[in-house]
Structure formats: C-alpha cells, structure tokens
Amino acid sequence: MQKLRSLAELEDPESVVVPILVDAILLVEAYRGARHQVTQLPELTDAVDALLREITIVEKSKEWAA
C-alpha cells in the first residue's frame, strides 16, 4: 500500500494508474464466461467488480444531486 500511496507524488498519477485499471477491467470482462481460469482472475474479478460498484455509486450520487 505504501507504494500505491507514493503514486500521489507523481506529476500525473492518473496517466499511470488509469491505463492499468482499463487493462484490468478489459481482462476480467474478456474472461468472464471463459471455460478456463486464470490463476489470479477470481481476485482480480472481485476487485474490478468492487471498483465498478464504487464508480456506479458515485455516478448515481451525482445524478441524484443534480
């Protein structure tokens, strides 16, 4: 976690983190219905699903506040 916190010190942390998040989401979605499992995919799927839930909550909150 300390390494992740240090991302805030970068000039543009979003440019580093966002592409990784996009890749993770695409990977999870690509393997969602696959017959074979990737070793870390269940954990990654859970993390991506949690992230997507949080994003949805933020979006809905903004809609309702408007």
PDB file of N, CA and C in Angstrom:
ATOM      1  N   MET A   1       0.819  -1.197   0.000  1.00  0.00           N
ATOM      2  CA  MET A   1       0.000   0.000   0.000  1.00  0.00           C
ATOM      3  C   MET A   1       0.862   1.260   0.000  1.00  0.00           C
ATOM      4  N   GLN A   2       2.014   1.184   0.642  1.00  0.00           N
ATOM      5  CA  GLN A   2       2.879   2.359   0.677  1.00  0.00           C
ATOM      6  C   GLN A   2       3.303   2.765  -0.730  1.00  0.00           C
ATOM      7  N   LYS A   3       3.590   1.788  -1.580  1.00  0.00           N
ATOM      8  CA  LYS A   3       3.974   2.109  -2.952  1.00  0.00           C
ATOM      9  C   LYS A   3       2.825   2.796  -3.677  1.00  0.00           C
ATOM     10  N   LEU A   4       1.597   2.341  -3.429  1.00  0.00           N
ATOM     11  CA  LEU A   4       0.445   2.977  -4.067  1.00  0.00           C
ATOM     12  C   LEU A   4       0.268   4.400  -3.571  1.00  0.00           C
ATOM     13  N   ARG A   5       0.500   4.625  -2.290  1.00  0.00           N
ATOM     14  CA  ARG A   5       0.387   5.979  -1.748  1.00  0.00           C
ATOM     15  C   ARG A   5       1.411   6.913  -2.390  1.00  0.00           C
ATOM     16  N   SER A   6       2.565   6.368  -2.721  1.00  0.00           N
ATOM     17  CA  SER A   6       3.603   7.209  -3.319  1.00  0.00           C
ATOM     18  C   SER A   6       3.238   7.658  -4.730  1.00  0.00           C
ATOM     19  N   LEU A   7       2.240   7.026  -5.342  1.00  0.00           N
ATOM     20  CA  LEU A   7       1.780   7.477  -6.658  1.00  0.00           C
ATOM     21  C   LEU A   7       1.295   8.921  -6.614  1.00  0.00           C
ATOM     22  N   ALA A   8       0.776   9.337  -5.462  1.00  0.00           N
ATOM     23  CA  ALA A   8       0.280  10.708  -5.326  1.00  0.00           C
ATOM     24  C   ALA A   8       1.393  11.729  -5.529  1.00  0.00           C
ATOM     25  N   GLU A   9       2.632  11.305  -5.359  1.00  0.00           N
ATOM     26  CA  GLU A   9       3.758  12.212  -5.522  1.00  0.00           C
ATOM     27  C   GLU A   9       4.161  12.391  -6.980  1.00  0.00           C
ATOM     28  N   LEU A  10       3.649  11.557  -7.854  1.00  0.00           N
ATOM     29  CA  LEU A  10       3.957  11.694  -9.276  1.00  0.00           C
ATOM     30  C   LEU A  10       3.291  12.940  -9.837  1.00  0.00           C
ATOM     31  N   GLU A  11       3.847  13.446 -10.915  1.00  0.00           N
ATOM     32  CA  GLU A  11       3.292  14.647 -11.536  1.00  0.00           C
ATOM     33  C   GLU A  11       1.886  14.399 -12.070  1.00  0.00           C
ATOM     34  N   ASP A  12       1.676  13.247 -12.701  1.00  0.00           N
ATOM     35  CA  ASP A  12       0.368  12.917 -13.268  1.00  0.00           C
ATOM     36  C   ASP A  12       0.039  11.455 -12.952  1.00  0.00           C
ATOM     37  N   PRO A  13      -0.376  11.151 -11.719  1.00  0.00           N
ATOM     38  CA  PRO A  13      -0.611   9.760 -11.336  1.00  0.00           C
ATOM     39  C   PRO A  13      -1.713   9.085 -12.147  1.00  0.00           C
ATOM     40  N   GLU A  14      -2.680   9.857 -12.598  1.00  0.00           N
ATOM     41  CA  GLU A  14      -3.769   9.268 -13.375  1.00  0.00           C
ATOM     42  C   GLU A  14      -3.263   8.640 -14.668  1.00  0.00           C
ATOM     43  N   SER A  15      -2.255   9.245 -15.269  1.00  0.00           N
ATOM     44  CA  SER A  15      -1.739   8.708 -16.526  1.00  0.00           C
ATOM     45  C   SER A  15      -1.057   7.359 -16.334  1.00  0.00           C
ATOM     46  N   VAL A  16      -0.660   7.061 -15.109  1.00  0.00           N
ATOM     47  CA  VAL A  16      -0.046   5.771 -14.806  1.00  0.00           C
ATOM     48  C   VAL A  16      -1.106   4.752 -14.407  1.00  0.00           C
ATOM     49  N   VAL A  17      -2.040   5.164 -13.579  1.00  0.00           N
ATOM     50  CA  VAL A  17      -2.998   4.234 -12.983  1.00  0.00           C
ATOM     51  C   VAL A  17      -4.151   3.891 -13.922  1.00  0.00           C
ATOM     52  N   VAL A  18      -4.680   4.864 -14.612  1.00  0.00           N
ATOM     53  CA  VAL A  18      -5.870   4.638 -15.439  1.00  0.00           C
ATOM     54  C   VAL A  18      -5.655   3.570 -16.512  1.00  0.00           C
ATOM     55  N   PRO A  19      -4.558   3.579 -17.255  1.00  0.00           N
ATOM     56  CA  PRO A  19      -4.381   2.509 -18.247  1.00  0.00           C
ATOM     57  C   PRO A  19      -4.338   1.115 -17.625  1.00  0.00           C
ATOM     58  N   ILE A  20      -3.757   1.006 -16.436  1.00  0.00           N
ATOM     59  CA  ILE A  20      -3.710  -0.290 -15.755  1.00  0.00           C
ATOM     60  C   ILE A  20      -5.113  -0.721 -15.358  1.00  0.00           C
ATOM     61  N   LEU A  21      -5.904   0.203 -14.840  1.00  0.00           N
ATOM     62  CA  LEU A  21      -7.284  -0.122 -14.473  1.00  0.00           C
ATOM     63  C   LEU A  21      -8.098  -0.531 -15.690  1.00  0.00           C
ATOM     64  N   VAL A  22      -7.921   0.168 -16.784  1.00  0.00           N
ATOM     65  CA  VAL A  22      -8.641  -0.179 -18.014  1.00  0.00           C
ATOM     66  C   VAL A  22      -8.252  -1.580 -18.471  1.00  0.00           C
ATOM     67  N   ASP A  23      -6.953  -1.888 -18.445  1.00  0.00           N
ATOM     68  CA  ASP A  23      -6.499  -3.227 -18.825  1.00  0.00           C
ATOM     69  C   ASP A  23      -7.088  -4.298 -17.915  1.00  0.00           C
ATOM     70  N   ALA A  24      -7.132  -4.031 -16.619  1.00  0.00           N
ATOM     71  CA  ALA A  24      -7.689  -4.999 -15.673  1.00  0.00           C
ATOM     72  C   ALA A  24      -9.169  -5.233 -15.941  1.00  0.00           C
ATOM     73  N   ILE A  25      -9.909  -4.167 -16.188  1.00  0.00           N
ATOM     74  CA  ILE A  25     -11.338  -4.300 -16.478  1.00  0.00           C
ATOM     75  C   ILE A  25     -11.552  -5.083 -17.766  1.00  0.00           C
ATOM     76  N   LEU A  26     -10.783  -4.774 -18.796  1.00  0.00           N
ATOM     77  CA  LEU A  26     -10.917  -5.496 -20.066  1.00  0.00           C
ATOM     78  C   LEU A  26     -10.550  -6.968 -19.913  1.00  0.00           C
ATOM     79  N   LEU A  27      -9.527  -7.263 -19.140  1.00  0.00           N
ATOM     80  CA  LEU A  27      -9.121  -8.651 -18.906  1.00  0.00           C
ATOM     81  C   LEU A  27     -10.221  -9.428 -18.208  1.00  0.00           C
ATOM     82  N   VAL A  28     -10.786  -8.844 -17.166  1.00  0.00           N
ATOM     83  CA  VAL A  28     -11.861  -9.513 -16.430  1.00  0.00           C
ATOM     84  C   VAL A  28     -13.055  -9.742 -17.335  1.00  0.00           C
ATOM     85  N   GLU A  29     -13.447  -8.732 -18.087  1.00  0.00           N
ATOM     86  CA  GLU A  29     -14.606  -8.874 -18.961  1.00  0.00           C
ATOM     87  C   GLU A  29     -14.359  -9.917 -20.048  1.00  0.00           C
ATOM     88  N   ALA A  30     -13.133  -9.999 -20.555  1.00  0.00           N
ATOM     89  CA  ALA A  30     -12.812 -10.960 -21.608  1.00  0.00           C
ATOM     90  C   ALA A  30     -12.899 -12.402 -21.111  1.00  0.00           C
ATOM     91  N   TYR A  31     -12.538 -12.629 -19.853  1.00  0.00           N
ATOM     92  CA  TYR A  31     -12.522 -13.984 -19.311  1.00  0.00           C
ATOM     93  C   TYR A  31     -13.766 -14.331 -18.502  1.00  0.00           C
ATOM     94  N   ARG A  32     -14.730 -13.431 -18.409  1.00  0.00           N
ATOM     95  CA  ARG A  32     -15.893 -13.649 -17.547  1.00  0.00           C
ATOM     96  C   ARG A  32     -16.622 -14.950 -17.872  1.00  0.00           C
ATOM     97  N   GLY A  33     -16.777 -15.288 -19.117  1.00  0.00           N
ATOM     98  CA  GLY A  33     -17.500 -16.504 -19.482  1.00  0.00           C
ATOM     99  C   GLY A  33     -16.600 -17.616 -19.994  1.00  0.00           C
ATOM    100  N   ALA A  34     -15.301 -17.489 -19.783  1.00  0.00           N
ATOM    101  CA  ALA A  34     -14.352 -18.462 -20.331  1.00  0.00           C
ATOM    102  C   ALA A  34     -14.447 -19.807 -19.622  1.00  0.00           C
ATOM    103  N   ARG A  35     -14.077 -20.857 -20.345  1.00  0.00           N
ATOM    104  CA  ARG A  35     -14.093 -22.204 -19.776  1.00  0.00           C
ATOM    105  C   ARG A  35     -12.882 -22.466 -18.895  1.00  0.00           C
ATOM    106  N   HIS A  36     -11.802 -21.761 -19.126  1.00  0.00           N
ATOM    107  CA  HIS A  36     -10.595 -21.964 -18.332  1.00  0.00           C
ATOM    108  C   HIS A  36     -10.396 -20.772 -17.403  1.00  0.00           C
ATOM    109  N   GLN A  37      -9.716 -21.007 -16.305  1.00  0.00           N
ATOM    110  CA  GLN A  37      -9.490 -19.954 -15.325  1.00  0.00           C
ATOM    111  C   GLN A  37      -8.035 -19.507 -15.333  1.00  0.00           C
ATOM    112  N   VAL A  38      -7.837 -18.240 -15.199  1.00  0.00           N
ATOM    113  CA  VAL A  38      -6.512 -17.680 -14.995  1.00  0.00           C
ATOM    114  C   VAL A  38      -6.305 -17.648 -13.487  1.00  0.00           C
ATOM    115  N   THR A  39      -5.108 -17.955 -13.032  1.00  0.00           N
ATOM    116  CA  THR A  39      -4.841 -18.136 -11.607  1.00  0.00           C
ATOM    117  C   THR A  39      -5.347 -16.987 -10.744  1.00  0.00           C
ATOM    118  N   GLN A  40      -5.015 -15.769 -11.080  1.00  0.00           N
ATOM    119  CA  GLN A  40      -5.386 -14.619 -10.255  1.00  0.00           C
ATOM    120  C   GLN A  40      -6.697 -13.973 -10.676  1.00  0.00           C
ATOM    121  N   LEU A  41      -7.364 -14.550 -11.651  1.00  0.00           N
ATOM    122  CA  LEU A  41      -8.561 -13.911 -12.187  1.00  0.00           C
ATOM    123  C   LEU A  41      -9.688 -13.748 -11.170  1.00  0.00           C
ATOM    124  N   PRO A  42      -9.976 -14.733 -10.310  1.00  0.00           N
ATOM    125  CA  PRO A  42     -11.068 -14.510  -9.350  1.00  0.00           C
ATOM    126  C   PRO A  42     -10.837 -13.292  -8.458  1.00  0.00           C
ATOM    127  N   GLU A  43      -9.621 -13.113  -7.973  1.00  0.00           N
ATOM    128  CA  GLU A  43      -9.322 -11.958  -7.128  1.00  0.00           C
ATOM    129  C   GLU A  43      -9.415 -10.661  -7.926  1.00  0.00           C
ATOM    130  N   LEU A  44      -8.902 -10.703  -9.146  1.00  0.00           N
ATOM    131  CA  LEU A  44      -8.972  -9.519  -9.996  1.00  0.00           C
ATOM    132  C   LEU A  44     -10.418  -9.193 -10.339  1.00  0.00           C
ATOM    133  N   THR A  45     -11.212 -10.228 -10.611  1.00  0.00           N
ATOM    134  CA  THR A  45     -12.631 -10.023 -10.909  1.00  0.00           C
ATOM    135  C   THR A  45     -13.331  -9.362  -9.735  1.00  0.00           C
ATOM    136  N   ASP A  46     -13.075  -9.841  -8.534  1.00  0.00           N
ATOM    137  CA  ASP A  46     -13.687  -9.247  -7.345  1.00  0.00           C
ATOM    138  C   ASP A  46     -13.283  -7.785  -7.193  1.00  0.00           C
ATOM    139  N   ALA A  47     -12.002  -7.502  -7.415  1.00  0.00           N
ATOM    140  CA  ALA A  47     -11.515  -6.133  -7.273  1.00  0.00           C
ATOM    141  C   ALA A  47     -12.126  -5.216  -8.328  1.00  0.00           C
ATOM    142  N   VAL A  48     -12.204  -5.698  -9.558  1.00  0.00           N
ATOM    143  CA  VAL A  48     -12.793  -4.895 -10.634  1.00  0.00           C
ATOM    144  C   VAL A  48     -14.277  -4.675 -10.375  1.00  0.00           C
ATOM    145  N   ASP A  49     -14.976  -5.718  -9.948  1.00  0.00           N
ATOM    146  CA  ASP A  49     -16.402  -5.566  -9.642  1.00  0.00           C
ATOM    147  C   ASP A  49     -16.619  -4.544  -8.528  1.00  0.00           C
ATOM    148  N   ALA A  50     -15.774  -4.574  -7.505  1.00  0.00           N
ATOM    149  CA  ALA A  50     -15.885  -3.601  -6.416  1.00  0.00           C
ATOM    150  C   ALA A  50     -15.627  -2.189  -6.929  1.00  0.00           C
ATOM    151  N   LEU A  51     -14.633  -2.042  -7.782  1.00  0.00           N
ATOM    152  CA  LEU A  51     -14.334  -0.733  -8.364  1.00  0.00           C
ATOM    153  C   LEU A  51     -15.500  -0.228  -9.198  1.00  0.00           C
ATOM    154  N   LEU A  52     -16.063  -1.104 -10.019  1.00  0.00           N
ATOM    155  CA  LEU A  52     -17.205  -0.707 -10.849  1.00  0.00           C
ATOM    156  C   LEU A  52     -18.413  -0.335  -9.993  1.00  0.00           C
ATOM    157  N   ARG A  53     -18.624  -1.049  -8.890  1.00  0.00           N
ATOM    158  CA  ARG A  53     -19.722  -0.690  -7.976  1.00  0.00           C
ATOM    159  C   ARG A  53     -19.506   0.699  -7.394  1.00  0.00           C
ATOM    160  N   GLU A  54     -18.275   0.976  -6.970  1.00  0.00           N
ATOM    161  CA  GLU A  54     -17.972   2.290  -6.403  1.00  0.00           C
ATOM    162  C   GLU A  54     -18.176   3.395  -7.436  1.00  0.00           C
ATOM    163  N   ILE A  55     -17.747   3.149  -8.657  1.00  0.00           N
ATOM    164  CA  ILE A  55     -17.933   4.137  -9.724  1.00  0.00           C
ATOM    165  C   ILE A  55     -19.417   4.371  -9.970  1.00  0.00           C
ATOM    166  N   THR A  56     -20.202   3.307  -9.978  1.00  0.00           N
ATOM    167  CA  THR A  56     -21.646   3.426 -10.181  1.00  0.00           C
ATOM    168  C   THR A  56     -22.280   4.234  -9.057  1.00  0.00           C
ATOM    169  N   ILE A  57     -21.861   3.990  -7.825  1.00  0.00           N
ATOM    170  CA  ILE A  57     -22.397   4.734  -6.682  1.00  0.00           C
ATOM    171  C   ILE A  57     -22.101   6.221  -6.837  1.00  0.00           C
ATOM    172  N   VAL A  58     -20.880   6.549  -7.225  1.00  0.00           N
ATOM    173  CA  VAL A  58     -20.505   7.955  -7.406  1.00  0.00           C
ATOM    174  C   VAL A  58     -21.332   8.583  -8.524  1.00  0.00           C
ATOM    175  N   GLU A  59     -21.480   7.868  -9.637  1.00  0.00           N
ATOM    176  CA  GLU A  59     -22.261   8.396 -10.758  1.00  0.00           C
ATOM    177  C   GLU A  59     -23.714   8.628 -10.357  1.00  0.00           C
ATOM    178  N   LYS A  60     -24.314   7.666  -9.675  1.00  0.00           N
ATOM    179  CA  LYS A  60     -25.712   7.804  -9.248  1.00  0.00           C
ATOM    180  C   LYS A  60     -25.868   8.944  -8.254  1.00  0.00           C
ATOM    181  N   SER A  61     -24.915   9.086  -7.345  1.00  0.00           N
ATOM    182  CA  SER A  61     -24.968  10.175  -6.371  1.00  0.00           C
ATOM    183  C   SER A  61     -24.940  11.530  -7.064  1.00  0.00           C
ATOM    184  N   LYS A  62     -24.089  11.647  -8.093  1.00  0.00           N
ATOM    185  CA  LYS A  62     -24.023  12.906  -8.844  1.00  0.00           C
ATOM    186  C   LYS A  62     -25.322  13.167  -9.593  1.00  0.00           C
ATOM    187  N   GLU A  63     -25.915  12.108 -10.175  1.00  0.00           N
ATOM    188  CA  GLU A  63     -27.190  12.259 -10.887  1.00  0.00           C
ATOM    189  C   GLU A  63     -28.281  12.730  -9.936  1.00  0.00           C
ATOM    190  N   TRP A  64     -28.345  12.118  -8.775  1.00  0.00           N
ATOM    191  CA  TRP A  64     -29.401  12.454  -7.822  1.00  0.00           C
ATOM    192  C   TRP A  64     -29.201  13.841  -7.224  1.00  0.00           C
ATOM    193  N   ALA A  65     -27.953  14.286  -7.127  1.00  0.00           N
ATOM    194  CA  ALA A  65     -27.673  15.608  -6.572  1.00  0.00           C
ATOM    195  C   ALA A  65     -28.000  16.720  -7.567  1.00  0.00           C
ATOM    196  N   ALA A  66     -28.050  16.372  -8.850  1.00  0.00           N
ATOM    197  CA  ALA A  66     -28.292  17.392  -9.878  1.00  0.00           C
ATOM    198  C   ALA A  66     -29.746  17.774  -9.977  1.00  0.00           C
TER     199      ALA A  66
END
